[in-house]
Amino acid sequence: MDRYAALLRGINVGGKNLIGMADLKVCFEALGFEKVSTYIQSGNVLFSTDKLDQAVLTRQIEAALSKTFNYESRVVLRSYRQMKANVARAPAGFGSDPATYRYDVIFLKEPLTAAEAMQSVTAKAGVDQAFGGRGVLYFSRLISQASKSHLTRIIRMPVYLSMTIRNWNTTTKLLELMETAGR
């Protein structure tokens, strides 16, 4: 069985698409997934399955979520191997100075690539840094200059529908949970 993280976008934000984590867990269990757990309210679901086609899994999950919770679901799916690589391949020093910088991982929904996403994502000189990875963008910004960051511009762009953002702490915690649940 492979371990996956389903990163839901657009739930429990600004009073829209409110979904309880217990209900989310039940929905994933009804799909036949095993070892289902959730992590924080932003829509992170961990599960195990022997189904390996991520495109099929993604469509299956999105259809079930859309039907069950009456919203247009969009999910970015990452296998344990992919999540481990996303953390391991972060730029040197990424996440190492949380008192000075805020670190985010922008997970891209296939078929969107980092090269394509980087054409839409701008970084404010002296405030932001953006790096492309495999299926992700790594974005950091100075906390003291957060109001000048270009990260918030992403949410107004059409490309935003094909991505979901998690902070570095959440990303590394999801990997840790994937590792411990797989034992």
Protein backbone atom coordinates (compact mmCIF):
# COMPACT_ATOMS: atom_id res chain seq x y z
CA MET A 1 0.00 0.00 0.00
CA ASP A 2 1.17 3.49 -0.82
CA ARG A 3 0.68 6.48 1.46
CA TYR A 4 -0.78 9.70 0.05
CA ALA A 5 -1.54 13.24 1.12
CA ALA A 6 -4.60 14.84 -0.43
CA LEU A 7 -4.20 18.61 -0.20
CA LEU A 8 -7.63 20.16 -0.61
CA ARG A 9 -7.86 23.72 -1.76
CA GLY A 10 -10.48 26.26 -0.84
CA ILE A 11 -12.09 24.67 2.21
CA ASN A 12 -12.62 26.28 5.62
CA VAL A 13 -11.27 29.62 4.37
CA GLY A 14 -13.18 32.85 4.89
CA GLY A 15 -16.32 31.02 5.99
CA LYS A 16 -16.65 29.21 2.65
CA ASN A 17 -16.83 25.48 1.95
CA LEU A 18 -16.93 24.58 5.63
CA ILE A 19 -16.14 20.91 6.06
CA GLY A 20 -15.53 19.18 9.39
CA MET A 21 -12.46 16.97 9.55
CA ALA A 22 -14.48 14.04 10.91
CA ASP A 23 -16.83 14.28 7.90
CA LEU A 24 -13.85 14.50 5.56
CA LYS A 25 -12.37 11.36 7.11
CA VAL A 26 -15.65 9.48 6.65
CA CYS A 27 -15.79 10.54 2.98
CA PHE A 28 -12.29 9.16 2.33
CA GLU A 29 -13.06 5.93 4.19
CA ALA A 30 -16.20 5.50 2.06
CA LEU A 31 -13.90 5.52 -0.98
CA GLY A 32 -12.18 2.43 0.43
CA PHE A 33 -9.00 4.14 1.59
CA GLU A 34 -7.23 2.88 4.71
CA LYS A 35 -5.41 4.55 7.61
CA VAL A 36 -7.28 7.80 6.93
CA SER A 37 -6.38 10.79 9.08
CA THR A 38 -6.63 14.54 8.79
CA TYR A 39 -4.28 17.28 9.85
CA ILE A 40 -5.49 20.78 10.76
CA GLN A 41 -8.58 22.44 9.34
CA SER A 42 -7.07 23.54 6.02
CA GLY A 43 -7.87 20.23 4.35
CA ASN A 44 -5.00 17.80 4.59
CA VAL A 45 -6.02 14.15 4.39
CA LEU A 46 -3.56 11.30 4.71
CA PHE A 47 -4.51 7.83 3.54
CA SER A 48 -3.23 4.54 2.21
CA THR A 49 -4.34 2.68 -0.90
CA ASP A 50 -3.06 0.08 -3.31
CA LYS A 51 -4.37 2.13 -6.27
CA LEU A 52 -1.37 3.70 -7.97
CA ASP A 53 -2.77 5.89 -10.75
CA GLN A 54 -2.70 9.37 -9.22
CA ALA A 55 -4.80 10.94 -11.96
CA VAL A 56 -7.56 8.38 -11.39
CA LEU A 57 -7.30 8.78 -7.61
CA THR A 58 -7.49 12.56 -7.90
CA ARG A 59 -10.60 12.43 -10.10
CA GLN A 60 -12.23 9.90 -7.76
CA ILE A 61 -11.54 12.03 -4.68
CA GLU A 62 -12.66 15.28 -6.34
CA ALA A 63 -15.91 13.69 -7.51
CA ALA A 64 -16.69 12.29 -4.06
CA LEU A 65 -15.88 15.57 -2.29
CA SER A 66 -17.89 17.63 -4.77
CA LYS A 67 -20.92 15.36 -4.41
CA THR A 68 -20.71 14.89 -0.64
CA PHE A 69 -20.01 18.51 0.31
CA ASN A 70 -21.67 20.34 -2.60
CA TYR A 71 -18.74 22.41 -3.83
CA GLU A 72 -16.34 22.26 -6.77
CA SER A 73 -13.51 20.27 -5.26
CA ARG A 74 -9.89 20.63 -6.35
CA VAL A 75 -7.26 18.37 -4.86
CA VAL A 76 -3.51 18.17 -5.21
CA LEU A 77 -2.36 14.63 -4.50
CA ARG A 78 1.15 13.71 -3.37
CA SER A 79 2.54 10.26 -2.73
CA TYR A 80 4.90 9.70 0.17
CA ARG A 81 7.84 9.57 -2.25
CA GLN A 82 6.82 12.85 -3.87
CA MET A 83 6.33 14.58 -0.52
CA LYS A 84 9.68 13.31 0.73
CA ALA A 85 11.37 14.62 -2.42
CA ASN A 86 9.58 17.99 -2.13
CA VAL A 87 10.98 18.43 1.38
CA ALA A 88 14.44 17.05 0.60
CA ARG A 89 14.88 19.18 -2.53
CA ALA A 90 13.95 22.50 -0.95
CA PRO A 91 16.50 25.24 -1.62
CA ALA A 92 19.47 25.38 0.74
CA GLY A 93 18.47 27.06 3.99
CA PHE A 94 14.74 27.02 3.19
CA GLY A 95 12.82 26.96 6.47
CA SER A 96 15.90 27.66 8.59
CA ASP A 97 15.12 31.22 9.77
CA PRO A 98 11.43 31.33 10.76
CA ALA A 99 11.95 34.41 12.95
CA THR A 100 12.85 36.42 9.83
CA TYR A 101 11.07 34.70 6.93
CA ARG A 102 7.76 33.04 6.27
CA TYR A 103 8.19 29.91 4.16
CA ASP A 104 5.50 28.40 1.95
CA VAL A 105 5.33 25.50 -0.45
CA ILE A 106 3.00 26.01 -3.39
CA PHE A 107 1.85 22.56 -4.51
CA LEU A 108 0.96 22.42 -8.20
CA LYS A 109 -1.90 20.41 -9.61
CA GLU A 110 -0.93 18.43 -12.68
CA PRO A 111 -0.51 19.17 -15.51
CA LEU A 112 0.77 22.58 -14.28
CA THR A 113 4.57 22.56 -14.06
CA ALA A 114 6.88 24.73 -11.97
CA ALA A 115 8.26 26.36 -15.13
CA GLU A 116 4.74 27.36 -16.21
CA ALA A 117 3.78 28.54 -12.72
CA MET A 118 6.93 30.64 -12.39
CA GLN A 119 5.76 32.68 -15.39
CA SER A 120 2.81 33.89 -13.27
CA VAL A 121 4.48 34.14 -9.88
CA THR A 122 6.44 37.30 -9.26
CA ALA A 123 8.78 38.03 -6.39
CA LYS A 124 9.25 41.48 -4.91
CA ALA A 125 12.96 42.29 -4.86
CA GLY A 126 14.31 42.43 -1.32
CA VAL A 127 11.12 40.87 0.08
CA ASP A 128 10.32 37.60 -1.71
CA GLN A 129 12.17 34.69 -3.19
CA ALA A 130 10.58 32.04 -5.37
CA PHE A 131 12.19 28.80 -6.54
CA GLY A 132 10.80 26.12 -8.81
CA GLY A 133 10.89 22.47 -7.83
CA ARG A 134 9.32 19.29 -9.13
CA GLY A 135 5.58 19.88 -8.84
CA VAL A 136 6.08 22.73 -6.35
CA LEU A 137 7.25 26.27 -5.91
CA TYR A 138 9.16 27.27 -2.79
CA PHE A 139 8.31 30.80 -1.69
CA SER A 140 9.81 32.80 1.15
CA ARG A 141 9.15 36.36 2.25
CA LEU A 142 10.48 38.69 4.89
CA ILE A 143 8.03 38.84 7.79
CA SER A 144 8.92 42.50 8.41
CA GLN A 145 7.92 43.32 4.81
CA ALA A 146 5.01 40.90 4.47
CA SER A 147 2.59 43.62 3.35
CA LYS A 148 4.82 44.21 0.29
CA SER A 149 5.00 40.53 -0.67
CA HIS A 150 3.76 39.48 -4.09
CA LEU A 151 2.48 36.13 -2.78
CA THR A 152 -1.02 37.51 -2.27
CA ARG A 153 -1.17 38.45 -5.97
CA ILE A 154 -1.30 34.78 -6.87
CA ILE A 155 -4.83 34.34 -5.54
CA ARG A 156 -6.18 36.73 -8.20
CA MET A 157 -4.61 34.82 -11.10
CA PRO A 158 -6.26 32.03 -13.10
CA VAL A 159 -3.25 29.78 -12.39
CA TYR A 160 -4.18 29.83 -8.69
CA LEU A 161 -6.97 27.31 -9.40
CA SER A 162 -4.22 24.76 -10.12
CA MET A 163 -2.31 25.16 -6.88
CA THR A 164 -2.64 25.04 -3.13
CA ILE A 165 -0.34 26.57 -0.54
CA ARG A 166 0.94 25.08 2.69
CA ASN A 167 3.43 26.65 5.04
CA TRP A 168 6.75 24.90 5.57
CA ASN A 169 5.81 23.66 9.06
CA THR A 170 2.64 22.05 7.74
CA THR A 171 4.53 20.51 4.82
CA THR A 172 7.19 18.94 7.01
CA LYS A 173 4.58 17.79 9.55
CA LEU A 174 2.60 16.08 6.79
CA LEU A 175 5.72 14.22 5.72
CA GLU A 176 6.38 13.20 9.32
CA LEU A 177 2.81 11.94 9.70
CA MET A 178 3.07 10.03 6.43
CA GLU A 179 6.24 8.36 7.68
CA THR A 180 4.87 7.36 11.07
CA ALA A 181 1.53 6.11 9.71
CA GLY A 182 3.31 3.92 7.23
CA ARG A 183 5.06 1.93 9.95
